[in-house]
Amino acid sequence: MIRSTAARRLSIGLGAWLVLAACGGEGADPRPDVWLVSVDTLRPDRLGFSGQGGASTPHMDRLAREGVVFTDAQTPIPRTTQSLASLFTAKYPAEHGVLRIGDSLATGAFTLAELFRDAGYWTGAVSANAVASPVQGLGQGFRVFSDSKMLRKRYGVRSGGIRGAVPEVGMAEAVTREAQRLLASSPAPRLLWVHYMDPHFMYNPPAPYNQVVDWSRFHFYRDRLRHRPVQASTFFDLHGLSKRDLPSLSALYDAEISYVDHWIGRLLSAARRETLVVFTSDHGESLGEHGYYFEHGDLVYQASMAIPLIFWWPGSVAAGVRIEAPVSSLDILPTLSGLLELSPPDGSDFAGADLSPYLRGASPAPPSGDRVHFGMSGEALLEGNPLREKGGPPWTMVRRGRWKLIRIPRSIRIPQTENQRGGENERAFMSAVRFELYDLDSDPNEVANRASDEPEIVVDLARLLNRWSRDASAQEPTSEIAPDLEAELRALGYLE
């Protein structure tokens, strides 16, 4: 429940805020700081408060214990640039136009940072991911943006390679120290976006967190280089190495999360005034589910689509509440707008919903069956991918209540007659589609495909999905990858 004093604070108009700030300086503006804290490649089921994971996350657990947790949140697309563009605009990728990792958000898009900037907030960002930066248009509305190149230079973060037990400055430390620097030098109230990246493959946190494996015996990173193509061999277990070393790599993934949690704790200790924290991720990570290892962009299963989502604002939102209804990262922008009574421009058409009534306790939790959520995969970038053709059409999904339908397209070449060979018809192909249906209430790991058992549900959901995915398919990327972006994607493991 919102305290009456907080309610009165939120009712003050912007003009009164400016007068107070002019008269009283720092601290006179009563509005809270707002921190959006996102962790790249973070599965919610690995966190302590989920009751399932192996990572030690006392600071994330604190946010969950003292805030509202949405236990069934998802991203509309499991790739960083596209997902964050959706979070910042509350629109699906086909609507904001960022369809490939590294694409740039159009300058005409209205973003979360612009909402706060226009309301008089100081706005700053710190991002550890090179494809989550102003280069991709994600700096719109931020007064200050500290990107990964600056962080490496300022804090001496070394990149590339696996160094075993060698101590080093990790990126989470650099991100936190930079965020603390910005907080100390900026006026209140502040919108601060902090994007950590450490759980992204290849997993190897700084010592002592990386001592969860015996580096004298753990040779996965070296052994995988024997097989070409390296990335396809790794991500799809083409030579058995990924399955062999999954326990060790899973432990390293959890260790990365614990390392980030430590620095999130340090960040939280920097709060010097009332602060609203939104904690989330851009996407999850597949750890062997459906034959997909240490990656997240090609498929649309829950391992990659599910994300954590917590709203923490002590005294102003409910504490220790868990809401099980399906929600989306698309809901973050309209929810912050509702919580803080910030008005987006006329004509703003958000795909997300305002969840603020449920955070305030003014309304009961939303029913799980009322909303429809859509999602799509990223582009298939690797040769040798046994599940998807490189450059082929995306996988798409629709979720309504307990049921999730996945549409999987395939391209099949049409046999040609002898007199057709060599002509245009030789490249002709037909599209084949198969569907997978899962009951996420009874089967959250998507093991049992129910499509043949529930044909009416398949038909019903397929109609919804076909209408939605028609727009997404019409905007599939066709241009070549820019050379500088290609280098970044190669460094991140998306390309050979």
Protein backbone atom coordinates (compact mmCIF):
# COMPACT_ATOMS: atom_id res chain seq x y z
CA MET A 1 0.00 0.00 0.00
CA ILE A 2 1.21 3.54 -0.72
CA ARG A 3 1.67 5.69 2.34
CA SER A 4 -0.50 8.81 2.43
CA THR A 5 2.62 11.00 2.50
CA ALA A 6 3.92 9.30 -0.65
CA ALA A 7 0.58 9.80 -2.32
CA ARG A 8 0.68 13.49 -1.50
CA ARG A 9 4.22 13.70 -2.89
CA LEU A 10 3.19 12.17 -6.18
CA SER A 11 0.33 14.64 -6.53
CA ILE A 12 2.64 17.65 -6.63
CA GLY A 13 2.76 19.16 -10.10
CA LEU A 14 5.95 19.65 -12.08
CA GLY A 15 5.78 23.42 -11.67
CA ALA A 16 5.75 23.11 -7.89
CA TRP A 17 8.68 20.68 -8.04
CA LEU A 18 10.73 23.18 -9.99
CA VAL A 19 9.94 25.93 -7.48
CA LEU A 20 10.96 23.70 -4.59
CA ALA A 21 14.19 22.73 -6.35
CA ALA A 22 15.03 26.39 -7.01
CA CYS A 23 14.45 27.33 -3.40
CA GLY A 24 15.95 24.35 -1.60
CA GLY A 25 18.59 22.87 -3.92
CA GLU A 26 19.55 19.22 -3.61
CA GLY A 27 16.88 17.12 -1.91
CA ALA A 28 14.10 19.70 -2.28
CA ASP A 29 12.39 17.79 -5.09
CA PRO A 30 10.40 15.11 -3.23
CA ARG A 31 10.15 12.65 -6.11
CA PRO A 32 12.10 9.42 -5.65
CA ASP A 33 15.14 8.37 -7.58
CA VAL A 34 14.32 5.58 -10.04
CA TRP A 35 16.85 2.88 -10.80
CA LEU A 36 16.33 0.38 -13.59
CA VAL A 37 18.75 -2.46 -12.83
CA SER A 38 19.02 -5.10 -15.54
CA VAL A 39 21.30 -8.12 -15.68
CA ASP A 40 22.07 -9.56 -19.10
CA THR A 41 21.30 -13.25 -19.67
CA LEU A 42 19.72 -13.82 -16.25
CA ARG A 43 17.39 -16.76 -15.64
CA PRO A 44 14.91 -16.13 -12.80
CA ASP A 45 14.95 -19.78 -11.71
CA ARG A 46 18.64 -19.54 -10.73
CA LEU A 47 18.05 -16.85 -8.11
CA GLY A 48 17.80 -17.60 -4.41
CA PHE A 49 14.28 -16.24 -3.94
CA SER A 50 12.96 -18.57 -6.66
CA GLY A 51 13.58 -21.57 -4.42
CA GLN A 52 15.10 -23.45 -7.36
CA GLY A 53 18.48 -21.98 -8.27
CA GLY A 54 21.99 -22.62 -7.06
CA ALA A 55 23.25 -19.03 -7.06
CA SER A 56 23.74 -17.16 -3.79
CA THR A 57 21.81 -13.91 -4.26
CA PRO A 58 21.15 -12.25 -0.89
CA HIS A 59 20.76 -8.74 -2.36
CA MET A 60 18.37 -9.80 -5.13
CA ASP A 61 16.53 -11.81 -2.46
CA ARG A 62 16.22 -8.66 -0.39
CA LEU A 63 14.56 -6.84 -3.29
CA ALA A 64 12.13 -9.75 -3.64
CA ARG A 65 11.46 -9.92 0.10
CA GLU A 66 10.76 -6.19 0.38
CA GLY A 67 9.06 -5.65 -3.00
CA VAL A 68 6.61 -7.11 -5.49
CA VAL A 69 7.82 -10.07 -7.55
CA PHE A 70 6.18 -11.01 -10.83
CA THR A 71 6.99 -14.71 -10.97
CA ASP A 72 5.94 -15.21 -14.60
CA ALA A 73 7.52 -12.38 -16.61
CA GLN A 74 8.92 -12.73 -20.10
CA THR A 75 10.72 -10.78 -22.81
CA PRO A 76 9.15 -10.41 -26.26
CA ILE A 77 12.45 -11.48 -27.86
CA PRO A 78 15.50 -13.19 -26.31
CA ARG A 79 18.23 -10.97 -27.77
CA THR A 80 19.73 -7.94 -26.08
CA THR A 81 19.29 -5.00 -28.45
CA GLN A 82 15.78 -5.91 -29.53
CA SER A 83 14.65 -6.78 -26.01
CA LEU A 84 15.93 -3.54 -24.49
CA ALA A 85 14.41 -1.52 -27.33
CA SER A 86 11.09 -3.15 -26.45
CA LEU A 87 11.56 -2.43 -22.75
CA PHE A 88 12.35 1.24 -23.42
CA THR A 89 9.46 1.78 -25.88
CA ALA A 90 6.84 -0.70 -24.57
CA LYS A 91 6.47 -1.94 -28.13
CA TYR A 92 7.08 -5.23 -29.91
CA PRO A 93 10.10 -5.43 -32.27
CA ALA A 94 7.93 -5.19 -35.39
CA GLU A 95 6.56 -1.91 -34.02
CA HIS A 96 9.84 -0.23 -33.02
CA GLY A 97 11.80 -1.71 -35.95
CA VAL A 98 14.80 -3.17 -34.09
CA LEU A 99 14.74 -6.71 -35.46
CA ARG A 100 18.39 -7.72 -35.31
CA ILE A 101 20.91 -7.52 -32.53
CA GLY A 102 22.82 -4.28 -32.96
CA ASP A 103 20.14 -2.56 -35.07
CA SER A 104 19.52 1.07 -34.15
CA LEU A 105 16.31 2.35 -32.60
CA ALA A 106 14.80 5.12 -34.72
CA THR A 107 15.23 8.63 -33.35
CA GLY A 108 11.49 9.17 -33.58
CA ALA A 109 10.78 6.48 -31.02
CA PHE A 110 9.58 7.63 -27.59
CA THR A 111 11.57 6.03 -24.77
CA LEU A 112 11.40 5.52 -21.03
CA ALA A 113 14.39 7.85 -20.55
CA GLU A 114 12.64 10.58 -22.52
CA LEU A 115 9.57 10.20 -20.31
CA PHE A 116 11.67 10.94 -17.22
CA ARG A 117 13.81 13.61 -18.88
CA ASP A 118 10.71 15.51 -19.96
CA ALA A 119 9.41 15.31 -16.38
CA GLY A 120 12.53 17.04 -15.05
CA TYR A 121 14.61 14.05 -13.99
CA TRP A 122 18.36 13.83 -14.47
CA THR A 123 18.91 10.72 -16.62
CA GLY A 124 22.01 8.53 -16.78
CA ALA A 125 22.98 5.06 -17.96
CA VAL A 126 25.81 2.59 -17.44
CA SER A 127 25.88 -0.42 -19.79
CA ALA A 128 28.42 -3.22 -19.93
CA ASN A 129 27.14 -4.61 -23.24
CA ALA A 130 28.49 -3.20 -26.50
CA VAL A 131 25.19 -3.90 -28.28
CA ALA A 132 23.25 -2.01 -25.60
CA SER A 133 24.66 1.46 -26.13
CA PRO A 134 24.00 4.79 -27.86
CA VAL A 135 25.27 3.20 -31.09
CA GLN A 136 22.03 1.20 -31.14
CA GLY A 137 19.91 4.26 -30.33
CA LEU A 138 19.41 3.20 -26.70
CA GLY A 139 20.91 6.46 -25.46
CA GLN A 140 17.83 8.47 -26.42
CA GLY A 141 16.75 10.56 -23.45
CA PHE A 142 19.87 9.92 -21.34
CA ARG A 143 21.92 12.96 -20.40
CA VAL A 144 24.97 10.78 -19.61
CA PHE A 145 25.72 7.32 -21.01
CA SER A 146 28.78 5.32 -19.91
CA ASP A 147 29.31 2.46 -22.37
CA SER A 148 31.43 -0.70 -22.27
CA LYS A 149 34.44 0.84 -24.00
CA MET A 150 34.61 3.65 -21.47
CA LEU A 151 34.22 1.21 -18.56
CA ARG A 152 37.09 -0.98 -19.77
CA LYS A 153 39.36 2.00 -20.16
CA ARG A 154 38.46 3.80 -16.92
CA TYR A 155 38.48 0.77 -14.62
CA GLY A 156 41.04 -1.49 -16.30
CA VAL A 157 38.72 -4.35 -17.16
CA ARG A 158 40.48 -6.93 -19.29
CA SER A 159 38.53 -8.57 -22.11
CA GLY A 160 38.78 -11.81 -24.02
CA GLY A 161 40.06 -15.24 -23.09
CA ILE A 162 39.63 -17.47 -20.08
CA ARG A 163 42.27 -16.98 -17.43
CA GLY A 164 41.31 -19.57 -14.86
CA ALA A 165 41.90 -18.44 -11.30
CA VAL A 166 43.73 -15.19 -12.14
CA PRO A 167 42.19 -12.30 -10.12
CA GLU A 168 41.03 -9.35 -12.18
CA VAL A 169 38.62 -6.43 -12.10
CA GLY A 170 35.32 -7.79 -13.34
CA MET A 171 32.82 -5.83 -15.36
CA ALA A 172 30.21 -5.84 -12.58
CA GLU A 173 32.64 -3.99 -10.34
CA ALA A 174 33.31 -1.42 -13.06
CA VAL A 175 29.58 -0.94 -13.72
CA THR A 176 28.83 -0.41 -10.03
CA ARG A 177 31.70 1.98 -9.43
CA GLU A 178 30.66 4.04 -12.45
CA ALA A 179 27.03 4.08 -11.32
CA GLN A 180 28.12 5.27 -7.88
CA ARG A 181 30.20 7.99 -9.50
CA LEU A 182 27.23 9.22 -11.52
CA LEU A 183 24.93 9.19 -8.50
CA ALA A 184 27.40 11.24 -6.48
CA SER A 185 27.76 13.90 -9.18
CA SER A 186 24.18 14.29 -10.45
CA PRO A 187 21.20 16.27 -9.14
CA ALA A 188 18.08 14.64 -7.76
CA PRO A 189 15.73 13.24 -8.77
CA ARG A 190 17.51 10.75 -10.99
CA LEU A 191 16.63 8.04 -13.46
CA LEU A 192 19.57 5.65 -13.58
CA TRP A 193 19.72 2.60 -15.85
CA VAL A 194 22.42 0.10 -14.87
CA HIS A 195 22.99 -2.89 -17.17
CA TYR A 196 25.26 -5.69 -15.96
CA MET A 197 26.49 -8.35 -18.38
CA ASP A 198 28.52 -10.89 -16.41
CA PRO A 199 26.31 -14.03 -16.73
CA HIS A 200 26.72 -13.93 -20.52
CA PHE A 201 28.73 -16.82 -22.03
CA MET A 202 31.70 -17.35 -21.70
CA TYR A 203 31.23 -17.80 -17.96
CA ASN A 204 34.24 -17.00 -15.75
CA PRO A 205 33.83 -14.50 -12.92
CA PRO A 206 36.82 -13.03 -11.13
CA ALA A 207 38.38 -14.95 -8.26
CA PRO A 208 37.28 -16.14 -5.80
CA TYR A 209 33.91 -16.73 -7.48
CA ASN A 210 35.46 -18.85 -10.25
CA GLN A 211 36.78 -21.39 -7.75
CA VAL A 212 33.60 -23.45 -8.20
CA VAL A 213 35.57 -25.53 -10.76
CA ASP A 214 38.99 -27.14 -10.67
CA TRP A 215 40.80 -25.24 -13.41
CA SER A 216 43.57 -27.84 -13.56
CA ARG A 217 40.97 -30.33 -14.84
CA PHE A 218 38.34 -28.12 -16.43
CA HIS A 219 39.33 -27.79 -20.09
CA PHE A 220 36.04 -27.07 -21.84
CA TYR A 221 37.05 -23.69 -23.24
CA ARG A 222 40.19 -25.18 -24.74
CA ASP A 223 38.61 -28.43 -25.96
CA ARG A 224 35.79 -26.71 -27.84
CA LEU A 225 38.30 -24.99 -30.14
CA ARG A 226 39.10 -28.34 -31.75
CA HIS A 227 35.71 -28.49 -33.43
CA ARG A 228 34.56 -26.30 -36.31
CA PRO A 229 32.38 -24.37 -36.44
CA VAL A 230 33.20 -23.65 -32.80
CA GLN A 231 30.04 -21.79 -31.82
CA ALA A 232 27.60 -24.19 -33.45
CA SER A 233 29.50 -27.12 -31.94
CA THR A 234 29.24 -25.49 -28.51
CA PHE A 235 25.68 -24.19 -28.59
CA PHE A 236 24.17 -27.37 -30.09
CA ASP A 237 26.47 -29.97 -28.49
CA LEU A 238 27.56 -31.38 -31.83
CA HIS A 239 30.50 -33.27 -30.29
CA GLY A 240 29.25 -33.99 -26.78
CA LEU A 241 31.44 -31.46 -24.97
CA SER A 242 28.63 -29.19 -23.83
CA LYS A 243 26.65 -32.00 -22.25
CA ARG A 244 29.82 -33.45 -20.73
CA ASP A 245 30.77 -30.22 -18.97
CA LEU A 246 27.27 -28.87 -18.30
CA PRO A 247 27.54 -29.29 -14.49
CA SER A 248 30.77 -27.27 -14.34
CA LEU A 249 29.48 -24.59 -16.71
CA SER A 250 26.19 -24.40 -14.84
CA ALA A 251 28.16 -23.84 -11.62
CA LEU A 252 30.17 -21.07 -13.32
CA TYR A 253 26.95 -19.47 -14.57
CA ASP A 254 25.60 -19.44 -11.02
CA ALA A 255 28.92 -18.03 -9.81
CA GLU A 256 28.62 -15.17 -12.31
CA ILE A 257 25.18 -14.40 -10.86
CA SER A 258 26.52 -14.45 -7.31
CA TYR A 259 29.34 -12.12 -8.34
CA VAL A 260 26.84 -9.66 -9.88
CA ASP A 261 24.64 -9.91 -6.78
CA HIS A 262 27.58 -8.84 -4.63
CA TRP A 263 28.02 -5.67 -6.67
CA ILE A 264 24.29 -5.00 -6.80
CA GLY A 265 24.47 -4.99 -3.02
CA ARG A 266 27.18 -2.35 -3.22
CA LEU A 267 25.00 -0.35 -5.60
CA LEU A 268 22.00 -0.50 -3.28
CA SER A 269 24.18 0.81 -0.45
CA ALA A 270 24.72 3.98 -2.52
CA ALA A 271 21.08 5.02 -2.17
CA ARG A 272 20.99 8.28 -0.22
CA ARG A 273 17.33 9.19 -0.73
CA GLU A 274 14.01 7.54 -1.45
CA THR A 275 14.56 5.14 -4.35
CA LEU A 276 12.34 3.03 -6.55
CA VAL A 277 14.19 0.04 -8.04
CA VAL A 278 13.00 -2.02 -10.99
CA PHE A 279 15.04 -5.21 -11.28
CA THR A 280 14.90 -7.31 -14.45
CA SER A 281 16.82 -8.85 -17.35
CA ASP A 282 16.83 -8.65 -21.13
CA HIS A 283 16.42 -12.43 -21.54
CA GLY A 284 17.34 -15.77 -19.98
CA GLU A 285 19.82 -18.47 -20.98
CA SER A 286 19.41 -22.02 -22.25
CA LEU A 287 21.48 -24.53 -20.30
CA GLY A 288 20.85 -27.66 -22.33
CA GLU A 289 17.07 -27.44 -22.63
CA HIS A 290 15.90 -28.66 -26.03
CA GLY A 291 19.49 -29.37 -27.07
CA TYR A 292 20.54 -25.72 -26.83
CA TYR A 293 23.47 -24.76 -24.61
CA PHE A 294 24.83 -21.47 -23.22
CA GLU A 295 22.83 -19.29 -25.64
CA HIS A 296 19.46 -17.57 -25.85
CA GLY A 297 18.51 -16.02 -29.18
CA ASP A 298 17.56 -18.75 -31.65
CA LEU A 299 14.61 -20.39 -29.87
CA VAL A 300 11.59 -19.20 -27.87
CA TYR A 301 11.42 -21.71 -25.04
CA GLN A 302 10.99 -20.43 -21.49
CA ALA A 303 14.66 -20.96 -20.61
CA SER A 304 15.43 -17.98 -22.85
CA MET A 305 12.16 -16.04 -22.67
CA ALA A 306 11.56 -15.95 -18.89
CA ILE A 307 13.01 -12.99 -16.98
CA PRO A 308 12.94 -11.77 -13.37
CA LEU A 309 10.83 -8.71 -12.62
CA ILE A 310 10.75 -6.97 -9.22
CA PHE A 311 9.44 -3.56 -8.19
CA TRP A 312 11.01 -2.37 -4.91
CA TRP A 313 9.92 0.87 -3.28
CA PRO A 314 9.74 0.45 0.50
CA GLY A 315 6.66 2.02 2.01
CA SER A 316 5.11 2.79 -1.36
CA VAL A 317 4.57 -0.62 -2.95
CA ALA A 318 3.60 -3.81 -1.20
CA ALA A 319 6.34 -5.89 0.43
CA GLY A 320 6.82 -9.61 -0.04
CA VAL A 321 4.03 -9.96 -2.60
CA ARG A 322 4.26 -12.46 -5.47
CA ILE A 323 2.02 -12.11 -8.51
CA GLU A 324 1.80 -15.22 -10.67
CA ALA A 325 -0.11 -13.79 -13.63
CA PRO A 326 1.94 -13.66 -16.87
CA VAL A 327 3.42 -10.21 -17.54
CA SER A 328 6.04 -8.77 -19.87
CA SER A 329 9.00 -6.40 -19.91
CA LEU A 330 6.74 -4.32 -22.17
CA ASP A 331 4.84 -3.44 -19.00
CA ILE A 332 7.74 -1.65 -17.28
CA LEU A 333 7.39 1.73 -19.03
CA PRO A 334 3.61 2.10 -18.60
CA THR A 335 3.85 0.85 -15.01
CA LEU A 336 6.48 3.44 -14.07
CA SER A 337 4.37 6.06 -15.79
CA GLY A 338 1.39 5.02 -13.67
CA LEU A 339 3.32 4.74 -10.40
CA LEU A 340 4.88 8.20 -10.68
CA GLU A 341 1.99 9.85 -12.52
CA LEU A 342 4.15 10.80 -15.49
CA SER A 343 2.27 11.53 -18.69
CA PRO A 344 3.61 10.19 -22.00
CA PRO A 345 2.96 12.22 -25.15
CA ASP A 346 -0.50 12.20 -26.65
CA GLY A 347 -0.96 9.30 -28.99
CA SER A 348 1.51 6.99 -27.26
CA ASP A 349 0.34 3.48 -28.02
CA PHE A 350 2.03 1.04 -25.65
CA ALA A 351 1.80 -2.71 -26.18
CA GLY A 352 2.46 -3.14 -22.45
CA ALA A 353 0.05 -2.71 -19.54
CA ASP A 354 0.14 -0.46 -16.48
CA LEU A 355 0.61 -2.79 -13.49
CA SER A 356 0.75 0.01 -10.91
CA PRO A 357 -2.69 -0.74 -9.36
CA TYR A 358 -1.45 -4.21 -8.38
CA LEU A 359 1.77 -2.79 -6.95
CA ARG A 360 -0.14 -0.32 -4.83
CA GLY A 361 -2.54 -2.97 -3.59
CA ALA A 362 -5.47 -0.97 -4.93
CA SER A 363 -6.54 -3.85 -7.18
CA PRO A 364 -6.35 -7.61 -6.83
CA ALA A 365 -3.72 -9.46 -8.84
CA PRO A 366 -4.62 -9.66 -12.54
CA PRO A 367 -6.18 -12.94 -13.69
CA SER A 368 -3.72 -15.13 -15.59
CA GLY A 369 -6.01 -15.93 -18.51
CA ASP A 370 -7.04 -12.47 -19.68
CA ARG A 371 -3.94 -11.24 -21.52
CA VAL A 372 -2.26 -12.51 -24.67
CA HIS A 373 1.52 -12.28 -24.94
CA PHE A 374 3.54 -12.71 -28.11
CA GLY A 375 7.21 -13.37 -28.73
CA MET A 376 9.72 -14.10 -31.44
CA SER A 377 13.24 -15.42 -31.76
CA GLY A 378 16.23 -13.47 -32.96
CA GLU A 379 17.90 -14.04 -36.29
CA ALA A 380 19.73 -17.34 -36.82
CA LEU A 381 23.35 -16.25 -37.26
CA LEU A 382 25.35 -19.49 -37.29
CA GLU A 383 26.22 -21.97 -39.99
CA GLY A 384 25.87 -25.51 -38.73
CA ASN A 385 22.80 -24.79 -36.58
CA PRO A 386 20.83 -28.09 -36.68
CA LEU A 387 17.59 -26.49 -35.47
CA ARG A 388 17.34 -23.44 -37.72
CA GLU A 389 18.58 -22.44 -41.14
CA LYS A 390 20.96 -19.48 -41.01
CA GLY A 391 19.05 -16.34 -41.98
CA GLY A 392 15.75 -18.22 -41.99
CA PRO A 393 12.43 -16.89 -40.67
CA PRO A 394 12.06 -16.47 -36.90
CA TRP A 395 10.29 -18.77 -34.50
CA THR A 396 7.23 -17.11 -32.96
CA MET A 397 5.07 -17.82 -29.92
CA VAL A 398 1.81 -16.81 -28.29
CA ARG A 399 0.92 -17.17 -24.63
CA ARG A 400 -2.57 -17.05 -23.15
CA GLY A 401 -2.95 -18.17 -19.59
CA ARG A 402 -1.49 -21.63 -19.07
CA TRP A 403 -1.09 -22.39 -22.78
CA LYS A 404 1.88 -21.47 -24.95
CA LEU A 405 1.99 -22.18 -28.68
CA ILE A 406 5.25 -22.10 -30.65
CA ARG A 407 5.24 -21.77 -34.44
CA ILE A 408 8.37 -23.30 -36.02
CA PRO A 409 8.91 -22.54 -39.73
CA ARG A 410 11.11 -24.59 -42.02
CA SER A 411 12.19 -24.10 -45.63
CA ILE A 412 11.93 -27.13 -47.92
CA ARG A 413 13.29 -27.03 -51.46
CA ILE A 414 10.88 -28.05 -54.21
CA PRO A 415 12.24 -30.85 -56.46
CA GLN A 416 13.01 -29.51 -59.91
CA THR A 417 12.65 -31.11 -63.33
CA GLU A 418 15.73 -31.40 -65.54
CA ASN A 419 14.71 -28.54 -67.86
CA GLN A 420 14.16 -26.23 -64.88
CA ARG A 421 17.65 -26.63 -63.48
CA GLY A 422 19.86 -23.58 -63.77
CA GLY A 423 16.95 -21.15 -63.88
CA GLU A 424 15.13 -19.07 -61.31
CA ASN A 425 12.91 -21.98 -60.35
CA GLU A 426 15.90 -23.86 -58.97
CA ARG A 427 15.81 -21.60 -55.94
CA ALA A 428 12.10 -22.18 -55.35
CA PHE A 429 11.10 -23.54 -51.97
CA MET A 430 7.99 -24.04 -49.94
CA SER A 431 7.41 -23.22 -46.30
CA ALA A 432 6.50 -25.94 -43.83
CA VAL A 433 5.31 -25.12 -40.34
CA ARG A 434 4.96 -27.23 -37.24
CA PHE A 435 3.46 -26.26 -33.90
CA GLU A 436 4.37 -27.12 -30.34
CA LEU A 437 1.88 -26.57 -27.52
CA TYR A 438 2.80 -26.55 -23.83
CA ASP A 439 0.78 -26.33 -20.63
CA LEU A 440 3.09 -24.15 -18.55
CA ASP A 441 1.13 -24.72 -15.35
CA SER A 442 1.85 -28.45 -15.31
CA ASP A 443 4.92 -28.45 -17.55
CA PRO A 444 6.99 -25.28 -16.99
CA ASN A 445 10.08 -26.85 -18.59
CA GLU A 446 8.18 -27.50 -21.85
CA VAL A 447 8.87 -31.21 -22.04
CA ALA A 448 5.54 -32.60 -23.28
CA ASN A 449 4.26 -31.23 -26.61
CA ARG A 450 0.46 -31.25 -26.33
CA ALA A 451 -0.30 -30.09 -29.89
CA SER A 452 -1.78 -33.41 -31.03
CA ASP A 453 -3.86 -33.71 -27.84
CA GLU A 454 -5.40 -30.23 -27.96
CA PRO A 455 -6.09 -29.40 -31.64
CA GLU A 456 -8.78 -26.82 -30.83
CA ILE A 457 -6.41 -24.85 -28.63
CA VAL A 458 -3.74 -25.01 -31.35
CA VAL A 459 -6.15 -23.65 -33.97
CA ASP A 460 -7.39 -20.90 -31.66
CA LEU A 461 -3.91 -19.71 -30.66
CA ALA A 462 -2.52 -20.13 -34.17
CA ARG A 463 -5.07 -17.66 -35.50
CA LEU A 464 -3.89 -15.06 -32.98
CA LEU A 465 -0.24 -15.79 -33.70
CA ASN A 466 -0.59 -15.70 -37.47
CA ARG A 467 -2.16 -12.25 -37.34
CA TRP A 468 0.57 -10.94 -35.06
CA SER A 469 3.52 -12.61 -36.79
CA ARG A 470 2.45 -11.38 -40.22
CA ASP A 471 3.75 -7.93 -39.27
CA ALA A 472 6.98 -9.34 -37.80
CA SER A 473 7.68 -11.42 -40.91
CA ALA A 474 7.10 -8.44 -43.18
CA GLN A 475 9.94 -6.61 -41.45
CA GLU A 476 12.60 -9.33 -41.33
CA PRO A 477 16.09 -7.82 -41.70
CA THR A 478 17.62 -8.11 -45.14
CA SER A 479 20.66 -5.80 -44.99
CA GLU A 480 24.23 -6.93 -44.41
CA ILE A 481 25.79 -6.65 -40.96
CA ALA A 482 28.00 -3.57 -40.65
CA PRO A 483 31.72 -4.39 -40.18
CA ASP A 484 32.01 -2.73 -36.75
CA LEU A 485 28.87 -4.51 -35.54
CA GLU A 486 30.16 -7.79 -36.97
CA ALA A 487 33.28 -7.45 -34.81
CA GLU A 488 31.17 -6.87 -31.69
CA LEU A 489 28.93 -9.86 -32.45
CA ARG A 490 31.99 -12.05 -33.00
CA ALA A 491 33.43 -10.96 -29.66
CA LEU A 492 30.14 -11.84 -27.97
CA GLY A 493 30.06 -15.27 -29.61
CA TYR A 494 27.15 -14.71 -31.97
CA LEU A 495 29.34 -15.19 -35.05
CA GLU A 496 32.39 -17.32 -35.83
